[in-house]
Structure formats: C-alpha cells, structure tokens
PDB file of N, CA and C in Angstrom:
ATOM      1  N   MET A   1       0.605  -0.866   0.005  1.00  0.00           N
ATOM      2  CA  MET A   1       0.060  -0.026  -0.021  1.00  0.00           C
ATOM      3  C   MET A   1       0.929   1.359   0.061  1.00  0.00           C
ATOM      4  N   PRO A   2       0.589   2.162  -0.687  1.00  0.00           N
ATOM      5  CA  PRO A   2       1.323   3.389  -1.002  1.00  0.00           C
ATOM      6  C   PRO A   2       1.056   4.134   0.438  1.00  0.00           C
ATOM      7  N   THR A   3       2.661   4.850   0.756  1.00  0.00           N
ATOM      8  CA  THR A   3       2.589   5.641   2.048  1.00  0.00           C
ATOM      9  C   THR A   3       2.540   7.098   1.480  1.00  0.00           C
ATOM     10  N   THR A   4       1.922   8.110   2.140  1.00  0.00           N
ATOM     11  CA  THR A   4       2.325   9.271   2.302  1.00  0.00           C
ATOM     12  C   THR A   4       3.365   9.869   3.383  1.00  0.00           C
ATOM     13  N   PHE A   5       3.977  11.161   2.687  1.00  0.00           N
ATOM     14  CA  PHE A   5       4.913  11.596   3.497  1.00  0.00           C
ATOM     15  C   PHE A   5       5.175  13.015   3.086  1.00  0.00           C
ATOM     16  N   THR A   6       5.444  13.910   4.058  1.00  0.00           N
ATOM     17  CA  THR A   6       5.539  15.286   3.707  1.00  0.00           C
ATOM     18  C   THR A   6       6.989  16.006   3.548  1.00  0.00           C
ATOM     19  N   LEU A   7       7.336  16.681   2.819  1.00  0.00           N
ATOM     20  CA  LEU A   7       8.811  17.240   2.640  1.00  0.00           C
ATOM     21  C   LEU A   7       8.722  18.511   3.459  1.00  0.00           C
ATOM     22  N   LYS A   8       9.900  18.773   4.281  1.00  0.00           N
ATOM     23  CA  LYS A   8       9.643  20.370   4.490  1.00  0.00           C
ATOM     24  C   LYS A   8      10.768  21.133   4.409  1.00  0.00           C
ATOM     25  N   ASN A   9      10.620  22.608   4.279  1.00  0.00           N
ATOM     26  CA  ASN A   9      12.116  23.096   4.191  1.00  0.00           C
ATOM     27  C   ASN A   9      12.843  23.030   2.831  1.00  0.00           C
ATOM     28  N   ILE A  10      11.885  22.693   1.873  1.00  0.00           N
ATOM     29  CA  ILE A  10      12.584  22.355   0.334  1.00  0.00           C
ATOM     30  C   ILE A  10      13.235  23.600   0.248  1.00  0.00           C
ATOM     31  N   PRO A  11      14.751  23.627  -0.414  1.00  0.00           N
ATOM     32  CA  PRO A  11      15.360  24.941  -0.464  1.00  0.00           C
ATOM     33  C   PRO A  11      14.373  25.567  -1.890  1.00  0.00           C
ATOM     34  N   ASP A  12      14.229  26.781  -2.193  1.00  0.00           N
ATOM     35  CA  ASP A  12      13.618  27.405  -3.214  1.00  0.00           C
ATOM     36  C   ASP A  12      14.080  26.818  -4.641  1.00  0.00           C
ATOM     37  N   ASP A  13      15.598  27.205  -4.655  1.00  0.00           N
ATOM     38  CA  ASP A  13      16.201  26.431  -5.993  1.00  0.00           C
ATOM     39  C   ASP A  13      15.696  24.806  -6.014  1.00  0.00           C
ATOM     40  N   VAL A  14      15.819  24.123  -5.203  1.00  0.00           N
ATOM     41  CA  VAL A  14      15.444  22.536  -5.654  1.00  0.00           C
ATOM     42  C   VAL A  14      13.859  22.474  -5.995  1.00  0.00           C
ATOM     43  N   TYR A  15      12.860  23.323  -5.189  1.00  0.00           N
ATOM     44  CA  TYR A  15      11.658  23.358  -5.815  1.00  0.00           C
ATOM     45  C   TYR A  15      11.429  23.913  -7.044  1.00  0.00           C
ATOM     46  N   GLN A  16      12.103  24.814  -7.219  1.00  0.00           N
ATOM     47  CA  GLN A  16      11.923  25.660  -8.766  1.00  0.00           C
ATOM     48  C   GLN A  16      12.493  24.743  -9.847  1.00  0.00           C
ATOM     49  N   SER A  17      13.700  23.981  -9.337  1.00  0.00           N
ATOM     50  CA  SER A  17      14.044  22.694 -10.696  1.00  0.00           C
ATOM     51  C   SER A  17      12.871  21.686 -10.465  1.00  0.00           C
ATOM     52  N   LEU A  18      12.415  21.419  -9.276  1.00  0.00           N
ATOM     53  CA  LEU A  18      11.305  20.153  -9.679  1.00  0.00           C
ATOM     54  C   LEU A  18      10.223  20.637 -10.343  1.00  0.00           C
ATOM     55  N   ARG A  19       9.779  21.866 -10.258  1.00  0.00           N
ATOM     56  CA  ARG A  19       8.445  22.301 -10.663  1.00  0.00           C
ATOM     57  C   ARG A  19       8.568  22.504 -12.125  1.00  0.00           C
ATOM     58  N   ALA A  20       9.653  22.721 -12.544  1.00  0.00           N
ATOM     59  CA  ALA A  20      10.460  23.016 -14.019  1.00  0.00           C
ATOM     60  C   ALA A  20      10.099  21.280 -14.701  1.00  0.00           C
ATOM     61  N   SER A  21      10.839  20.498 -13.943  1.00  0.00           N
ATOM     62  CA  SER A  21      11.093  19.285 -14.293  1.00  0.00           C
ATOM     63  C   SER A  21       9.581  18.653 -14.690  1.00  0.00           C
ATOM     64  N   ALA A  22       8.713  19.001 -13.511  1.00  0.00           N
ATOM     65  CA  ALA A  22       7.552  18.247 -13.591  1.00  0.00           C
ATOM     66  C   ALA A  22       6.702  19.154 -14.907  1.00  0.00           C
ATOM     67  N   ASP A  23       6.709  20.398 -15.312  1.00  0.00           N
ATOM     68  CA  ASP A  23       6.110  21.163 -16.362  1.00  0.00           C
ATOM     69  C   ASP A  23       6.486  20.427 -17.348  1.00  0.00           C
ATOM     70  N   THR A  24       7.975  20.166 -17.744  1.00  0.00           N
ATOM     71  CA  THR A  24       8.635  19.607 -19.023  1.00  0.00           C
ATOM     72  C   THR A  24       7.864  18.539 -19.103  1.00  0.00           C
ATOM     73  N   HIS A  25       7.819  17.543 -18.180  1.00  0.00           N
ATOM     74  CA  HIS A  25       7.393  15.961 -18.393  1.00  0.00           C
ATOM     75  C   HIS A  25       6.037  15.920 -18.303  1.00  0.00           C
ATOM     76  N   ARG A  26       5.253  17.024 -18.305  1.00  0.00           N
ATOM     77  CA  ARG A  26       3.672  16.888 -17.901  1.00  0.00           C
ATOM     78  C   ARG A  26       3.315  15.947 -16.767  1.00  0.00           C
ATOM     79  N   ARG A  27       3.706  16.363 -15.595  1.00  0.00           N
ATOM     80  CA  ARG A  27       3.628  15.780 -14.434  1.00  0.00           C
ATOM     81  C   ARG A  27       3.209  16.479 -13.042  1.00  0.00           C
ATOM     82  N   SER A  28       2.517  15.832 -12.281  1.00  0.00           N
ATOM     83  CA  SER A  28       2.379  16.644 -11.156  1.00  0.00           C
ATOM     84  C   SER A  28       3.936  16.779 -10.259  1.00  0.00           C
ATOM     85  N   LEU A  29       3.829  17.716  -9.278  1.00  0.00           N
ATOM     86  CA  LEU A  29       4.813  17.749  -8.491  1.00  0.00           C
ATOM     87  C   LEU A  29       5.226  16.406  -7.644  1.00  0.00           C
ATOM     88  N   ASN A  30       4.091  16.102  -7.232  1.00  0.00           N
ATOM     89  CA  ASN A  30       4.361  14.590  -6.669  1.00  0.00           C
ATOM     90  C   ASN A  30       4.728  13.654  -7.489  1.00  0.00           C
ATOM     91  N   SER A  31       4.211  13.329  -8.595  1.00  0.00           N
ATOM     92  CA  SER A  31       4.585  12.254  -9.493  1.00  0.00           C
ATOM     93  C   SER A  31       6.059  12.752  -9.752  1.00  0.00           C
ATOM     94  N   GLU A  32       6.530  13.987  -9.812  1.00  0.00           N
ATOM     95  CA  GLU A  32       7.871  14.337 -10.460  1.00  0.00           C
ATOM     96  C   GLU A  32       8.967  13.624  -9.506  1.00  0.00           C
ATOM     97  N   ALA A  33       8.231  14.194  -8.254  1.00  0.00           N
ATOM     98  CA  ALA A  33       9.259  13.697  -7.011  1.00  0.00           C
ATOM     99  C   ALA A  33       9.461  12.353  -6.761  1.00  0.00           C
ATOM    100  N   ILE A  34       8.226  11.672  -7.023  1.00  0.00           N
ATOM    101  CA  ILE A  34       8.611  10.119  -7.273  1.00  0.00           C
ATOM    102  C   ILE A  34       9.180   9.596  -8.026  1.00  0.00           C
ATOM    103  N   VAL A  35       9.235  10.182  -9.315  1.00  0.00           N
ATOM    104  CA  VAL A  35       9.942   9.593 -10.695  1.00  0.00           C
ATOM    105  C   VAL A  35      11.746   9.508 -10.218  1.00  0.00           C
ATOM    106  N   CYS A  36      11.932  11.293  -9.731  1.00  0.00           N
ATOM    107  CA  CYS A  36      13.162  11.430  -9.150  1.00  0.00           C
ATOM    108  C   CYS A  36      13.842  10.656  -8.021  1.00  0.00           C
ATOM    109  N   LEU A  37      12.963  10.352  -7.294  1.00  0.00           N
ATOM    110  CA  LEU A  37      13.394   9.415  -6.213  1.00  0.00           C
ATOM    111  C   LEU A  37      13.655   7.987  -6.604  1.00  0.00           C
ATOM    112  N   GLU A  38      12.681   7.525  -7.292  1.00  0.00           N
ATOM    113  CA  GLU A  38      13.182   6.100  -8.134  1.00  0.00           C
ATOM    114  C   GLU A  38      14.234   5.810  -8.706  1.00  0.00           C
ATOM    115  N   SER A  39      14.788   7.176  -9.688  1.00  0.00           N
ATOM    116  CA  SER A  39      15.751   6.985 -10.301  1.00  0.00           C
ATOM    117  C   SER A  39      17.289   7.125  -9.433  1.00  0.00           C
ATOM    118  N   VAL A  40      17.294   7.596  -8.479  1.00  0.00           N
ATOM    119  CA  VAL A  40      18.006   7.435  -7.764  1.00  0.00           C
ATOM    120  C   VAL A  40      18.295   6.431  -6.585  1.00  0.00           C
ATOM    121  N   LEU A  41      17.060   5.866  -5.897  1.00  0.00           N
ATOM    122  CA  LEU A  41      16.983   5.164  -5.319  1.00  0.00           C
ATOM    123  C   LEU A  41      16.793   3.421  -5.782  1.00  0.00           C
ATOM    124  N   LEU A  42      16.408   3.435  -6.773  1.00  0.00           N
ATOM    125  CA  LEU A  42      16.129   2.183  -7.627  1.00  0.00           C
ATOM    126  C   LEU A  42      16.788   2.096  -8.910  1.00  0.00           C
ATOM    127  N   PRO A  43      18.141   2.116  -9.044  1.00  0.00           N
ATOM    128  CA  PRO A  43      18.634   2.027 -10.234  1.00  0.00           C
ATOM    129  C   PRO A  43      18.621   0.903 -11.085  1.00  0.00           C
ATOM    130  N   GLY A  44      18.485   0.992 -12.422  1.00  0.00           N
ATOM    131  CA  GLY A  44      18.490  -0.591 -12.884  1.00  0.00           C
ATOM    132  C   GLY A  44      19.667  -1.368 -12.696  1.00  0.00           C
ATOM    133  N   ARG A  45      19.380  -2.695 -12.577  1.00  0.00           N
ATOM    134  CA  ARG A  45      20.214  -3.727 -12.110  1.00  0.00           C
ATOM    135  C   ARG A  45      20.883  -4.221 -13.455  1.00  0.00           C
ATOM    136  N   VAL A  46      22.269  -4.376 -13.288  1.00  0.00           N
ATOM    137  CA  VAL A  46      23.004  -4.747 -14.534  1.00  0.00           C
ATOM    138  C   VAL A  46      23.502  -6.143 -13.919  1.00  0.00           C
ATOM    139  N   THR A  47      23.578  -7.244 -14.819  1.00  0.00           N
ATOM    140  CA  THR A  47      23.891  -8.523 -13.982  1.00  0.00           C
ATOM    141  C   THR A  47      25.456  -8.703 -14.620  1.00  0.00           C
ATOM    142  N   PRO A  48      25.901  -9.365 -14.054  1.00  0.00           N
ATOM    143  CA  PRO A  48      27.431  -9.543 -14.432  1.00  0.00           C
ATOM    144  C   PRO A  48      27.789  -9.981 -15.622  1.00  0.00           C
ATOM    145  N   ASN A  49      26.814 -10.640 -16.390  1.00  0.00           N
ATOM    146  CA  ASN A  49      27.428 -10.966 -17.825  1.00  0.00           C
ATOM    147  C   ASN A  49      26.836  -9.753 -18.400  1.00  0.00           C
ATOM    148  N   GLU A  50      25.861  -8.831 -18.272  1.00  0.00           N
ATOM    149  CA  GLU A  50      25.865  -7.588 -19.092  1.00  0.00           C
ATOM    150  C   GLU A  50      27.074  -6.854 -18.821  1.00  0.00           C
ATOM    151  N   ARG A  51      27.507  -6.657 -17.626  1.00  0.00           N
ATOM    152  CA  ARG A  51      28.586  -5.903 -17.442  1.00  0.00           C
ATOM    153  C   ARG A  51      29.967  -6.386 -18.094  1.00  0.00           C
ATOM    154  N   LEU A  52      30.169  -7.587 -18.365  1.00  0.00           N
ATOM    155  CA  LEU A  52      31.267  -8.170 -19.113  1.00  0.00           C
ATOM    156  C   LEU A  52      31.245  -7.645 -20.578  1.00  0.00           C
ATOM    157  N   GLU A  53      29.921  -8.113 -20.987  1.00  0.00           N
ATOM    158  CA  GLU A  53      29.710  -7.649 -22.383  1.00  0.00           C
ATOM    159  C   GLU A  53      29.901  -6.277 -22.731  1.00  0.00           C
ATOM    160  N   ARG A  54      29.478  -5.166 -21.774  1.00  0.00           N
ATOM    161  CA  ARG A  54      29.847  -4.009 -22.069  1.00  0.00           C
ATOM    162  C   ARG A  54      31.075  -3.319 -22.139  1.00  0.00           C
ATOM    163  N   ALA A  55      31.965  -4.646 -20.824  1.00  0.00           N
ATOM    164  CA  ALA A  55      33.195  -3.959 -21.013  1.00  0.00           C
ATOM    165  C   ALA A  55      33.985  -4.555 -22.451  1.00  0.00           C
ATOM    166  N   ARG A  56      33.831  -5.968 -22.820  1.00  0.00           N
ATOM    167  CA  ARG A  56      34.472  -6.269 -24.076  1.00  0.00           C
ATOM    168  C   ARG A  56      33.819  -5.551 -25.109  1.00  0.00           C
ATOM    169  N   ALA A  57      32.780  -4.976 -25.343  1.00  0.00           N
ATOM    170  CA  ALA A  57      32.768  -4.096 -26.444  1.00  0.00           C
ATOM    171  C   ALA A  57      33.472  -3.016 -26.366  1.00  0.00           C
ATOM    172  N   LEU A  58      33.488  -2.091 -25.061  1.00  0.00           N
ATOM    173  CA  LEU A  58      34.450  -0.898 -25.277  1.00  0.00           C
ATOM    174  C   LEU A  58      35.629  -1.361 -25.417  1.00  0.00           C
ATOM    175  N   ARG A  59      36.462  -2.616 -25.036  1.00  0.00           N
ATOM    176  CA  ARG A  59      37.549  -2.794 -25.149  1.00  0.00           C
ATOM    177  C   ARG A  59      37.994  -3.434 -26.679  1.00  0.00           C
ATOM    178  N   SER A  60      37.035  -4.037 -27.191  1.00  0.00           N
ATOM    179  CA  SER A  60      37.073  -3.984 -28.680  1.00  0.00           C
ATOM    180  C   SER A  60      37.365  -2.976 -29.509  1.00  0.00           C
ATOM    181  N   GLY A  61      37.136  -1.725 -29.138  1.00  0.00           N
ATOM    182  CA  GLY A  61      36.605  -0.368 -29.913  1.00  0.00           C
ATOM    183  C   GLY A  61      38.072   0.396 -29.626  1.00  0.00           C
ATOM    184  N   LEU A  62      39.099  -0.223 -28.764  1.00  0.00           N
ATOM    185  CA  LEU A  62      40.498   0.444 -28.402  1.00  0.00           C
ATOM    186  C   LEU A  62      41.291   0.009 -29.404  1.00  0.00           C
ATOM    187  N   PRO A  63      42.204   1.135 -29.612  1.00  0.00           N
ATOM    188  CA  PRO A  63      43.463   0.589 -30.857  1.00  0.00           C
ATOM    189  C   PRO A  63      44.200  -0.680 -30.048  1.00  0.00           C
ATOM    190  N   LYS A  64      44.762  -1.506 -30.834  1.00  0.00           N
ATOM    191  CA  LYS A  64      45.665  -2.862 -30.710  1.00  0.00           C
ATOM    192  C   LYS A  64      47.063  -2.027 -30.003  1.00  0.00           C
ATOM    193  N   ALA A  65      47.284  -0.869 -30.484  1.00  0.00           N
ATOM    194  CA  ALA A  65      48.871  -0.704 -29.927  1.00  0.00           C
ATOM    195  C   ALA A  65      48.825  -0.535 -28.597  1.00  0.00           C
ATOM    196  N   LYS A  66      50.090  -1.034 -27.941  1.00  0.00           N
ATOM    197  CA  LYS A  66      49.992  -0.918 -26.319  1.00  0.00           C
ATOM    198  C   LYS A  66      50.910   0.406 -26.169  1.00  0.00           C
ATOM    199  N   PHE A  67      50.270   0.755 -25.115  1.00  0.00           N
ATOM    200  CA  PHE A  67      51.071   2.246 -24.769  1.00  0.00           C
ATOM    201  C   PHE A  67      52.263   2.019 -23.502  1.00  0.00           C
ATOM    202  N   ARG A  68      53.211   2.790 -23.842  1.00  0.00           N
ATOM    203  CA  ARG A  68      54.479   2.548 -22.908  1.00  0.00           C
ATOM    204  C   ARG A  68      53.936   3.747 -21.783  1.00  0.00           C
ATOM    205  N   PRO A  69      54.644   3.794 -20.635  1.00  0.00           N
ATOM    206  CA  PRO A  69      54.419   4.162 -19.500  1.00  0.00           C
ATOM    207  C   PRO A  69      54.844   5.995 -19.866  1.00  0.00           C
ATOM    208  N   ARG A  70      56.156   5.738 -20.755  1.00  0.00           N
ATOM    209  CA  ARG A  70      56.255   7.210 -21.161  1.00  0.00           C
ATOM    210  C   ARG A  70      55.495   8.030 -22.241  1.00  0.00           C
ATOM    211  N   ASP A  71      54.749   7.302 -23.222  1.00  0.00           N
ATOM    212  CA  ASP A  71      53.885   7.606 -24.189  1.00  0.00           C
ATOM    213  C   ASP A  71      52.542   8.062 -23.152  1.00  0.00           C
ATOM    214  N   ILE A  72      52.213   7.453 -22.466  1.00  0.00           N
ATOM    215  CA  ILE A  72      51.095   7.625 -21.374  1.00  0.00           C
ATOM    216  C   ILE A  72      51.261   9.175 -20.901  1.00  0.00           C
ATOM    217  N   ASP A  73      52.483   9.307 -20.050  1.00  0.00           N
ATOM    218  CA  ASP A  73      52.923  10.756 -19.483  1.00  0.00           C
ATOM    219  C   ASP A  73      52.524  12.042 -20.636  1.00  0.00           C
ATOM    220  N   VAL A  74      53.203  11.669 -21.809  1.00  0.00           N
ATOM    221  CA  VAL A  74      53.277  12.643 -22.821  1.00  0.00           C
ATOM    222  C   VAL A  74      51.753  12.843 -23.042  1.00  0.00           C
ATOM    223  N   LEU A  75      51.125  12.015 -23.385  1.00  0.00           N
ATOM    224  CA  LEU A  75      49.579  12.438 -23.582  1.00  0.00           C
ATOM    225  C   LEU A  75      48.828  13.106 -22.404  1.00  0.00           C
ATOM    226  N   LYS A  76      48.842  12.833 -21.070  1.00  0.00           N
ATOM    227  CA  LYS A  76      48.452  13.331 -20.169  1.00  0.00           C
ATOM    228  C   LYS A  76      49.008  14.707 -20.109  1.00  0.00           C
ATOM    229  N   ARG A  77      50.054  15.164 -20.283  1.00  0.00           N
ATOM    230  CA  ARG A  77      50.804  16.395 -20.358  1.00  0.00           C
ATOM    231  C   ARG A  77      49.877  17.302 -21.497  1.00  0.00           C
ATOM    232  N   LYS A  78      50.241  16.743 -22.543  1.00  0.00           N
ATOM    233  CA  LYS A  78      49.487  17.153 -23.817  1.00  0.00           C
ATOM    234  C   LYS A  78      47.785  17.645 -23.444  1.00  0.00           C
ATOM    235  N   GLY A  79      47.291  16.657 -22.806  1.00  0.00           N
ATOM    236  CA  GLY A  79      45.759  16.979 -22.439  1.00  0.00           C
ATOM    237  C   GLY A  79      45.693  18.149 -21.377  1.00  0.00           C
ATOM    238  N   ARG A  80      46.768  18.659 -20.778  1.00  0.00           N
ATOM    239  CA  ARG A  80      46.336  19.488 -19.649  1.00  0.00           C
ATOM    240  C   ARG A  80      46.787  20.754 -20.126  1.00  0.00           C
ATOM    241  N   ALA A  81      47.346  20.901 -21.499  1.00  0.00           N
ATOM    242  CA  ALA A  81      48.076  22.059 -21.770  1.00  0.00           C
ATOM    243  C   ALA A  81      46.580  23.218 -22.537  1.00  0.00           C
TER     244      ALA A  81
END
C-alpha cells in the first residue's frame, strides 16, 4: 500500500527545479518527485554478464597498440595544456 509523507524546508532552487521538470514532463509535482526518487534509489540492475559484455565491447573498440608509460605521460601533459 502506498505511503504518504511530507517534505518540509525544501530549498527554493530545488523546488523551482522540480517544478520546471514536472512541467516539462507534464507531471504533477508529486509524480515528478516520485520519479526522481525512484531514479536515484532504484537504479536498474546490471547482471555480471551484461557488465562483462559492455566491457568487452568497449575494449574491442580500443586501438591494438600498447602504450608505454612514457607515451601515457606525454599524452597526459598534452591534455593538460
């Protein structure tokens, strides 16, 4: 059975963001708050096999060349410039 609870002292900027998001998604404030809570507290579960498949797919897209530590240092410095 659904439970009711009240939020107090919501910062104005958080309330305005929730209100804007609810308007954008054509939801009530209550429904938008529930969706936000669910997305944070009940994230989709990924099985170990799905995680492995994702890692293998990412790895297969990497270049086959091996990087030496010196090459990595040069690339790091280049990225910071």
